[in-house]
Amino acid sequence: MASPRQTTTVVGALVLLAACGGTPGLPGIGGDSTAAFCKTARGLPAVAEEFDADSVDDPATFDAELRSAVDSYLAELDDLASRAPSDLEKDIRLLMSAVDQYKFADAIDAKEPLDIYVAEHCEPPTT
């Protein structure tokens, strides 16, 4: 059962993970691979935002929804890792490990190299 302090920390970390995902040819990959990588990277914030903090009143529901959100985020990261240039693989795996262990503050730190890389190498989304 999560305490109110733990709940606030988890919700805050998920919001920060979502906010940090704002992504504005990647070296070493090209064409469709670049577009797929960038699209997946841009989708990470939406996955993090799927967590429903309104279920905090019921600890069992909270735990189930948090696990589901973590699993969804990890699946997206796994997909991203399969499309990423090799120099990002270690960073993505470190991020995955932190998220899987619910170490969200560490995950925010681990996501920084990915965010920087995407901001530098992905084209801004078109509207």
N, C-alpha and C. Protein backbone atom coordinates (compact mmCIF):
# COMPACT_ATOMS: atom_id res chain seq x y z
N MET A 1 0.85 -1.17 0.00
CA MET A 1 0.00 0.00 0.00
C MET A 1 0.89 1.23 0.00
N ALA A 2 0.62 2.15 -0.85
CA ALA A 2 1.42 3.36 -1.00
C ALA A 2 0.96 4.42 0.00
N SER A 3 1.94 5.06 0.64
CA SER A 3 1.62 6.16 1.53
C SER A 3 1.33 7.40 0.69
N PRO A 4 0.68 8.42 1.29
CA PRO A 4 0.43 9.66 0.53
C PRO A 4 1.73 10.28 0.00
N ARG A 5 2.81 10.22 0.79
CA ARG A 5 4.08 10.77 0.34
C ARG A 5 4.62 10.00 -0.85
N GLN A 6 4.55 8.65 -0.79
CA GLN A 6 5.00 7.83 -1.91
C GLN A 6 4.15 8.12 -3.14
N THR A 7 2.87 8.26 -2.94
CA THR A 7 1.96 8.53 -4.05
C THR A 7 2.32 9.85 -4.72
N THR A 8 2.54 10.87 -3.93
CA THR A 8 2.91 12.16 -4.48
C THR A 8 4.22 12.07 -5.25
N THR A 9 5.19 11.34 -4.71
CA THR A 9 6.47 11.17 -5.37
C THR A 9 6.30 10.44 -6.70
N VAL A 10 5.54 9.37 -6.71
CA VAL A 10 5.33 8.60 -7.94
C VAL A 10 4.60 9.43 -8.98
N VAL A 11 3.54 10.08 -8.59
CA VAL A 11 2.77 10.89 -9.53
C VAL A 11 3.64 12.02 -10.07
N GLY A 12 4.38 12.67 -9.20
CA GLY A 12 5.27 13.75 -9.63
C GLY A 12 6.33 13.26 -10.60
N ALA A 13 6.91 12.11 -10.32
CA ALA A 13 7.94 11.56 -11.20
C ALA A 13 7.36 11.20 -12.57
N LEU A 14 6.18 10.63 -12.59
CA LEU A 14 5.57 10.28 -13.87
C LEU A 14 5.24 11.53 -14.69
N VAL A 15 4.81 12.57 -14.00
CA VAL A 15 4.53 13.83 -14.70
C VAL A 15 5.83 14.40 -15.27
N LEU A 16 6.91 14.34 -14.49
CA LEU A 16 8.19 14.84 -14.98
C LEU A 16 8.71 14.00 -16.14
N LEU A 17 8.55 12.69 -16.07
CA LEU A 17 8.96 11.85 -17.20
C LEU A 17 8.17 12.23 -18.44
N ALA A 18 6.91 12.51 -18.27
CA ALA A 18 6.10 12.92 -19.41
C ALA A 18 6.56 14.28 -19.94
N ALA A 19 6.80 15.20 -19.03
CA ALA A 19 7.19 16.55 -19.45
C ALA A 19 8.56 16.56 -20.11
N CYS A 20 9.44 15.70 -19.68
CA CYS A 20 10.79 15.67 -20.23
C CYS A 20 10.82 15.07 -21.63
N GLY A 21 9.72 14.56 -22.10
CA GLY A 21 9.73 13.91 -23.39
C GLY A 21 9.42 14.82 -24.56
N GLY A 22 9.30 16.09 -24.35
CA GLY A 22 9.00 17.00 -25.46
C GLY A 22 10.15 17.01 -26.44
N THR A 23 9.98 16.37 -27.60
CA THR A 23 11.08 16.27 -28.54
C THR A 23 10.87 17.21 -29.69
N PRO A 24 11.82 18.03 -30.02
CA PRO A 24 11.55 19.13 -30.93
C PRO A 24 11.24 18.74 -32.35
N GLY A 25 17.31 12.87 -39.67
CA GLY A 25 18.19 11.83 -39.58
C GLY A 25 19.09 11.70 -38.39
N LEU A 26 18.91 10.81 -37.65
CA LEU A 26 19.82 10.39 -36.61
C LEU A 26 21.11 9.89 -37.22
N PRO A 27 22.27 10.30 -36.67
CA PRO A 27 23.53 9.78 -37.18
C PRO A 27 23.58 8.27 -37.00
N GLY A 28 24.04 7.59 -38.00
CA GLY A 28 24.20 6.15 -37.90
C GLY A 28 22.99 5.35 -38.32
N ILE A 29 21.83 5.97 -38.42
CA ILE A 29 20.65 5.28 -38.93
C ILE A 29 19.99 6.24 -39.90
N GLY A 30 19.14 5.72 -40.75
CA GLY A 30 18.56 6.62 -41.72
C GLY A 30 17.20 6.19 -42.17
N GLY A 31 16.61 7.02 -43.01
CA GLY A 31 15.34 6.69 -43.65
C GLY A 31 14.24 6.39 -42.67
N ASP A 32 13.57 5.26 -42.91
CA ASP A 32 12.44 4.87 -42.08
C ASP A 32 12.84 4.62 -40.63
N SER A 33 14.06 4.16 -40.39
CA SER A 33 14.52 3.91 -39.02
C SER A 33 14.56 5.19 -38.22
N THR A 34 15.03 6.26 -38.83
CA THR A 34 15.09 7.55 -38.15
C THR A 34 13.68 8.02 -37.81
N ALA A 35 12.79 7.96 -38.75
CA ALA A 35 11.41 8.40 -38.52
C ALA A 35 10.75 7.56 -37.43
N ALA A 36 10.96 6.26 -37.46
CA ALA A 36 10.36 5.37 -36.47
C ALA A 36 10.92 5.65 -35.07
N PHE A 37 12.22 5.85 -34.99
CA PHE A 37 12.84 6.17 -33.70
C PHE A 37 12.26 7.47 -33.14
N CYS A 38 12.22 8.50 -33.95
CA CYS A 38 11.73 9.80 -33.50
C CYS A 38 10.26 9.74 -33.10
N LYS A 39 9.46 9.04 -33.87
CA LYS A 39 8.03 8.91 -33.55
C LYS A 39 7.85 8.18 -32.22
N THR A 40 8.59 7.12 -32.01
CA THR A 40 8.49 6.37 -30.75
C THR A 40 8.96 7.24 -29.59
N ALA A 41 10.06 7.95 -29.77
CA ALA A 41 10.58 8.82 -28.70
C ALA A 41 9.58 9.91 -28.35
N ARG A 42 8.93 10.48 -29.36
CA ARG A 42 7.93 11.53 -29.11
C ARG A 42 6.69 10.98 -28.41
N GLY A 43 6.44 9.69 -28.53
CA GLY A 43 5.27 9.09 -27.91
C GLY A 43 5.44 8.75 -26.43
N LEU A 44 6.67 8.81 -25.92
CA LEU A 44 6.90 8.46 -24.51
C LEU A 44 6.09 9.30 -23.52
N PRO A 45 5.98 10.62 -23.72
CA PRO A 45 5.19 11.40 -22.75
C PRO A 45 3.74 10.94 -22.65
N ALA A 46 3.14 10.60 -23.76
CA ALA A 46 1.74 10.15 -23.74
C ALA A 46 1.60 8.86 -22.96
N VAL A 47 2.57 7.98 -23.07
CA VAL A 47 2.52 6.72 -22.33
C VAL A 47 2.62 6.99 -20.83
N ALA A 48 3.52 7.90 -20.45
CA ALA A 48 3.68 8.23 -19.03
C ALA A 48 2.42 8.89 -18.47
N GLU A 49 1.72 9.63 -19.30
CA GLU A 49 0.52 10.34 -18.84
C GLU A 49 -0.68 9.41 -18.68
N GLU A 50 -0.58 8.16 -19.12
CA GLU A 50 -1.71 7.24 -19.00
C GLU A 50 -2.00 6.86 -17.56
N PHE A 51 -1.05 7.06 -16.67
CA PHE A 51 -1.25 6.72 -15.26
C PHE A 51 -2.35 7.59 -14.68
N ASP A 52 -3.35 6.96 -14.06
CA ASP A 52 -4.51 7.66 -13.52
C ASP A 52 -4.32 7.91 -12.03
N ALA A 53 -3.86 9.09 -11.69
CA ALA A 53 -3.62 9.44 -10.29
C ALA A 53 -4.91 9.53 -9.48
N ASP A 54 -6.06 9.58 -10.14
CA ASP A 54 -7.34 9.66 -9.43
C ASP A 54 -7.67 8.38 -8.67
N SER A 55 -6.97 7.30 -8.98
CA SER A 55 -7.26 6.03 -8.30
C SER A 55 -6.46 5.89 -7.01
N VAL A 56 -5.87 6.97 -6.54
CA VAL A 56 -5.02 6.93 -5.35
C VAL A 56 -5.79 6.50 -4.11
N ASP A 57 -7.08 6.76 -4.03
CA ASP A 57 -7.86 6.41 -2.84
C ASP A 57 -7.91 4.92 -2.58
N ASP A 58 -7.81 4.11 -3.60
CA ASP A 58 -7.86 2.66 -3.44
C ASP A 58 -6.45 2.10 -3.71
N PRO A 59 -5.76 1.65 -2.67
CA PRO A 59 -4.38 1.19 -2.83
C PRO A 59 -4.21 0.06 -3.84
N ALA A 60 -5.14 -0.86 -3.88
CA ALA A 60 -5.02 -1.97 -4.83
C ALA A 60 -5.14 -1.48 -6.27
N THR A 61 -6.08 -0.59 -6.50
CA THR A 61 -6.25 -0.02 -7.84
C THR A 61 -5.04 0.83 -8.21
N PHE A 62 -4.58 1.60 -7.25
CA PHE A 62 -3.40 2.42 -7.48
C PHE A 62 -2.21 1.56 -7.90
N ASP A 63 -1.95 0.50 -7.13
CA ASP A 63 -0.82 -0.38 -7.45
C ASP A 63 -0.98 -1.04 -8.82
N ALA A 64 -2.19 -1.48 -9.13
CA ALA A 64 -2.44 -2.13 -10.42
C ALA A 64 -2.25 -1.14 -11.58
N GLU A 65 -2.77 0.07 -11.41
CA GLU A 65 -2.63 1.07 -12.47
C GLU A 65 -1.19 1.54 -12.63
N LEU A 66 -0.48 1.65 -11.51
CA LEU A 66 0.92 2.03 -11.59
C LEU A 66 1.72 0.95 -12.31
N ARG A 67 1.48 -0.31 -11.98
CA ARG A 67 2.20 -1.41 -12.64
C ARG A 67 1.88 -1.43 -14.13
N SER A 68 0.61 -1.20 -14.47
CA SER A 68 0.22 -1.17 -15.87
C SER A 68 0.92 -0.02 -16.60
N ALA A 69 0.99 1.15 -15.97
CA ALA A 69 1.66 2.29 -16.58
C ALA A 69 3.14 2.02 -16.76
N VAL A 70 3.75 1.42 -15.77
CA VAL A 70 5.18 1.08 -15.85
C VAL A 70 5.40 0.06 -16.97
N ASP A 71 4.56 -0.94 -17.03
CA ASP A 71 4.69 -1.96 -18.08
C ASP A 71 4.54 -1.35 -19.47
N SER A 72 3.58 -0.44 -19.64
CA SER A 72 3.39 0.22 -20.93
C SER A 72 4.61 1.06 -21.30
N TYR A 73 5.13 1.79 -20.33
CA TYR A 73 6.29 2.64 -20.57
C TYR A 73 7.50 1.77 -20.93
N LEU A 74 7.67 0.66 -20.22
CA LEU A 74 8.79 -0.25 -20.51
C LEU A 74 8.66 -0.86 -21.91
N ALA A 75 7.45 -1.17 -22.32
CA ALA A 75 7.24 -1.72 -23.67
C ALA A 75 7.63 -0.68 -24.72
N GLU A 76 7.27 0.57 -24.50
CA GLU A 76 7.65 1.63 -25.43
C GLU A 76 9.16 1.82 -25.46
N LEU A 77 9.80 1.76 -24.29
CA LEU A 77 11.25 1.88 -24.23
C LEU A 77 11.94 0.72 -24.94
N ASP A 78 11.37 -0.47 -24.80
CA ASP A 78 11.93 -1.63 -25.48
C ASP A 78 11.83 -1.46 -26.99
N ASP A 79 10.70 -0.96 -27.45
CA ASP A 79 10.53 -0.67 -28.88
C ASP A 79 11.52 0.41 -29.31
N LEU A 80 11.67 1.43 -28.50
CA LEU A 80 12.62 2.50 -28.81
C LEU A 80 14.04 1.97 -28.89
N ALA A 81 14.41 1.11 -27.95
CA ALA A 81 15.76 0.54 -27.94
C ALA A 81 16.04 -0.24 -29.21
N SER A 82 15.04 -0.90 -29.74
CA SER A 82 15.23 -1.69 -30.96
C SER A 82 15.45 -0.80 -32.19
N ARG A 83 15.08 0.46 -32.09
CA ARG A 83 15.20 1.39 -33.21
C ARG A 83 16.35 2.39 -33.01
N ALA A 84 16.92 2.41 -31.82
CA ALA A 84 17.88 3.45 -31.46
C ALA A 84 19.27 3.17 -32.02
N PRO A 85 20.02 4.24 -32.25
CA PRO A 85 21.42 4.07 -32.61
C PRO A 85 22.15 3.39 -31.45
N SER A 86 23.19 2.68 -31.75
CA SER A 86 23.89 1.88 -30.74
C SER A 86 24.43 2.71 -29.58
N ASP A 87 24.78 3.97 -29.83
CA ASP A 87 25.32 4.77 -28.74
C ASP A 87 24.27 5.19 -27.71
N LEU A 88 23.00 4.96 -27.98
CA LEU A 88 21.94 5.24 -27.00
C LEU A 88 21.46 3.99 -26.28
N GLU A 89 21.87 2.84 -26.72
CA GLU A 89 21.36 1.59 -26.16
C GLU A 89 21.59 1.50 -24.65
N LYS A 90 22.78 1.82 -24.19
CA LYS A 90 23.08 1.74 -22.76
C LYS A 90 22.20 2.71 -21.97
N ASP A 91 22.02 3.93 -22.49
CA ASP A 91 21.19 4.92 -21.80
C ASP A 91 19.74 4.45 -21.69
N ILE A 92 19.23 3.87 -22.75
CA ILE A 92 17.83 3.39 -22.73
C ILE A 92 17.69 2.22 -21.76
N ARG A 93 18.65 1.33 -21.74
CA ARG A 93 18.60 0.19 -20.81
C ARG A 93 18.67 0.66 -19.36
N LEU A 94 19.48 1.68 -19.09
CA LEU A 94 19.57 2.25 -17.75
C LEU A 94 18.23 2.88 -17.35
N LEU A 95 17.61 3.59 -18.28
CA LEU A 95 16.29 4.16 -18.05
C LEU A 95 15.27 3.06 -17.76
N MET A 96 15.30 2.01 -18.55
CA MET A 96 14.36 0.90 -18.35
C MET A 96 14.54 0.28 -16.96
N SER A 97 15.76 0.10 -16.56
CA SER A 97 16.04 -0.49 -15.25
C SER A 97 15.49 0.38 -14.13
N ALA A 98 15.71 1.69 -14.22
CA ALA A 98 15.21 2.60 -13.19
C ALA A 98 13.68 2.59 -13.12
N VAL A 99 13.03 2.64 -14.28
CA VAL A 99 11.56 2.63 -14.30
C VAL A 99 11.03 1.31 -13.75
N ASP A 100 11.62 0.21 -14.16
CA ASP A 100 11.17 -1.10 -13.70
C ASP A 100 11.29 -1.26 -12.19
N GLN A 101 12.26 -0.58 -11.59
CA GLN A 101 12.47 -0.65 -10.15
C GLN A 101 11.74 0.47 -9.40
N TYR A 102 10.91 1.22 -10.12
CA TYR A 102 10.15 2.35 -9.55
C TYR A 102 11.08 3.41 -8.97
N LYS A 103 12.26 3.53 -9.51
CA LYS A 103 13.21 4.56 -9.10
C LYS A 103 13.05 5.73 -10.07
N PHE A 104 11.94 6.45 -9.90
CA PHE A 104 11.55 7.45 -10.88
C PHE A 104 12.48 8.66 -10.91
N ALA A 105 13.04 9.04 -9.78
CA ALA A 105 14.01 10.14 -9.79
C ALA A 105 15.23 9.74 -10.61
N ASP A 106 15.69 8.51 -10.45
CA ASP A 106 16.81 8.01 -11.25
C ASP A 106 16.41 7.92 -12.73
N ALA A 107 15.17 7.57 -12.99
CA ALA A 107 14.69 7.47 -14.37
C ALA A 107 14.71 8.84 -15.06
N ILE A 108 14.35 9.86 -14.32
CA ILE A 108 14.38 11.21 -14.89
C ILE A 108 15.81 11.57 -15.29
N ASP A 109 16.76 11.26 -14.40
CA ASP A 109 18.17 11.52 -14.72
C ASP A 109 18.63 10.67 -15.89
N ALA A 110 18.21 9.40 -15.92
CA ALA A 110 18.64 8.49 -16.98
C ALA A 110 18.04 8.87 -18.34
N LYS A 111 16.92 9.56 -18.33
CA LYS A 111 16.26 9.94 -19.58
C LYS A 111 16.91 11.15 -20.25
N GLU A 112 17.70 11.89 -19.50
CA GLU A 112 18.29 13.13 -20.04
C GLU A 112 19.11 12.92 -21.31
N PRO A 113 20.01 11.92 -21.38
CA PRO A 113 20.75 11.74 -22.64
C PRO A 113 19.84 11.45 -23.84
N LEU A 114 18.78 10.71 -23.61
CA LEU A 114 17.82 10.42 -24.68
C LEU A 114 17.13 11.71 -25.13
N ASP A 115 16.68 12.52 -24.18
CA ASP A 115 16.02 13.77 -24.53
C ASP A 115 16.95 14.70 -25.30
N ILE A 116 18.19 14.77 -24.88
CA ILE A 116 19.16 15.62 -25.56
C ILE A 116 19.39 15.12 -26.98
N TYR A 117 19.56 13.83 -27.11
CA TYR A 117 19.81 13.25 -28.43
C TYR A 117 18.64 13.50 -29.38
N VAL A 118 17.45 13.27 -28.88
CA VAL A 118 16.26 13.46 -29.72
C VAL A 118 16.11 14.94 -30.09
N ALA A 119 16.33 15.83 -29.14
CA ALA A 119 16.21 17.27 -29.43
C ALA A 119 17.21 17.70 -30.49
N GLU A 120 18.38 17.08 -30.49
CA GLU A 120 19.41 17.46 -31.46
C GLU A 120 19.26 16.81 -32.82
N HIS A 121 18.61 15.63 -32.88
CA HIS A 121 18.64 14.86 -34.11
C HIS A 121 17.29 14.57 -34.74
N CYS A 122 16.21 14.79 -34.04
CA CYS A 122 14.88 14.51 -34.61
C CYS A 122 14.26 15.82 -35.08
N GLU A 123 13.63 15.76 -36.20
CA GLU A 123 12.90 16.91 -36.70
C GLU A 123 11.68 17.15 -35.80
N PRO A 124 11.32 18.41 -35.63
CA PRO A 124 10.08 18.69 -34.86
C PRO A 124 8.89 18.03 -35.56
N PRO A 125 7.90 17.60 -34.76
CA PRO A 125 6.72 17.00 -35.39
C PRO A 125 6.01 18.01 -36.27
N THR A 126 5.43 17.52 -37.34
CA THR A 126 4.68 18.39 -38.23
C THR A 126 3.23 18.42 -37.78
N THR A 127 2.58 19.55 -38.01
CA THR A 127 1.17 19.66 -37.61
C THR A 127 0.29 19.63 -38.82
